[in-house]
């Protein structure tokens, strides 16, 4: 098995998180009812319409995307390090 490039894995996961977040934001902006119903189906009985707020494109949205990118990078790095520890040469 090939070893994972730690930095590349971190960047890949960070970008994946950002893309998924942006897709979710766009869905909520153009079709909030559908999106709440769709993602509510993943929550197994939790009514997310009770906690949903009107989305904004302000600072909190930008901070959330930055936090996802940083968190995704850190998780990707941890994954690659652990993977490389157990990968056979």
Protein backbone atom coordinates (compact mmCIF):
# COMPACT_ATOMS: atom_id res chain seq x y z
CA UNK A 1 0.00 0.00 0.00
CA UNK A 2 1.22 3.48 -0.81
CA UNK A 3 1.64 5.99 1.96
CA UNK A 4 -0.66 9.03 1.99
CA UNK A 5 0.75 12.51 1.44
CA UNK A 6 -0.24 14.13 4.72
CA UNK A 7 -0.57 17.68 3.36
CA UNK A 8 -2.45 16.60 0.22
CA UNK A 9 -4.89 14.52 2.28
CA UNK A 10 -5.53 17.45 4.61
CA UNK A 11 -6.14 19.82 1.70
CA UNK A 12 -8.40 17.31 -0.06
CA UNK A 13 -10.61 16.86 2.98
CA UNK A 14 -10.68 20.61 3.68
CA UNK A 15 -11.82 21.34 0.12
CA UNK A 16 -14.38 18.53 0.29
CA UNK A 17 -15.88 20.02 3.45
CA UNK A 18 -16.00 23.49 1.87
CA UNK A 19 -17.67 22.22 -1.33
CA UNK A 20 -20.29 20.30 0.64
CA UNK A 21 -20.95 23.35 2.83
CA UNK A 22 -21.35 25.66 -0.16
CA UNK A 23 -23.70 23.19 -1.87
CA UNK A 24 -25.76 23.02 1.32
CA UNK A 25 -25.85 26.83 1.56
CA UNK A 26 -27.01 27.17 -2.04
CA UNK A 27 -29.71 24.53 -1.52
CA UNK A 28 -30.98 26.30 1.60
CA UNK A 29 -31.04 29.64 -0.22
CA UNK A 30 -32.92 28.39 -3.31
CA UNK A 31 -35.14 25.68 -1.80
CA UNK A 32 -35.27 25.89 2.00
CA UNK A 33 -38.29 23.64 2.47
CA UNK A 34 -36.87 20.86 0.30
CA UNK A 35 -33.45 21.15 1.92
CA UNK A 36 -34.81 20.99 5.46
CA UNK A 37 -36.89 17.96 4.52
CA UNK A 38 -33.93 16.29 2.79
CA UNK A 39 -31.46 16.82 5.62
CA UNK A 40 -34.15 16.15 8.21
CA UNK A 41 -34.43 12.65 6.77
CA UNK A 42 -30.85 12.01 7.93
CA UNK A 43 -31.69 12.97 11.51
CA UNK A 44 -33.92 9.98 12.29
CA UNK A 45 -36.81 11.62 14.05
CA UNK A 46 -35.36 15.03 14.89
CA UNK A 47 -37.46 17.86 13.46
CA UNK A 48 -34.79 20.29 12.28
CA UNK A 49 -37.42 22.78 11.11
CA UNK A 50 -37.78 23.72 14.80
CA UNK A 51 -34.18 24.92 14.97
CA UNK A 52 -33.69 26.20 11.41
CA UNK A 53 -32.95 29.88 10.91
CA UNK A 54 -33.02 32.04 7.82
CA UNK A 55 -29.58 31.78 6.25
CA UNK A 56 -27.50 34.87 5.68
CA UNK A 57 -24.43 35.49 3.61
CA UNK A 58 -22.67 37.42 6.35
CA UNK A 59 -19.60 37.07 8.49
CA UNK A 60 -20.93 34.01 10.34
CA UNK A 61 -21.30 32.11 7.06
CA UNK A 62 -17.74 32.98 6.06
CA UNK A 63 -16.42 32.02 9.51
CA UNK A 64 -18.28 28.72 9.29
CA UNK A 65 -16.70 27.91 5.94
CA UNK A 66 -13.25 28.85 7.24
CA UNK A 67 -13.80 26.69 10.34
CA UNK A 68 -14.83 23.77 8.14
CA UNK A 69 -11.73 24.20 5.98
CA UNK A 70 -9.39 24.34 8.98
CA UNK A 71 -11.15 21.46 10.73
CA UNK A 72 -11.20 19.41 7.55
CA UNK A 73 -7.48 19.98 7.06
CA UNK A 74 -6.70 18.90 10.62
CA UNK A 75 -8.89 15.80 10.33
CA UNK A 76 -7.30 14.94 6.97
CA UNK A 77 -3.81 15.27 8.44
CA UNK A 78 -4.73 13.07 11.41
CA UNK A 79 -6.26 10.50 9.04
CA UNK A 80 -3.14 10.43 6.83
CA UNK A 81 -0.76 10.13 9.79
CA UNK A 82 -2.76 7.25 11.29
CA UNK A 83 -3.14 5.60 7.87
CA UNK A 84 0.61 5.84 7.23
CA UNK A 85 1.31 4.35 10.65
CA UNK A 86 -0.62 1.20 9.74
CA UNK A 87 0.04 1.01 5.99
CA UNK A 88 2.35 -1.78 4.91
CA UNK A 89 5.38 -0.81 2.86
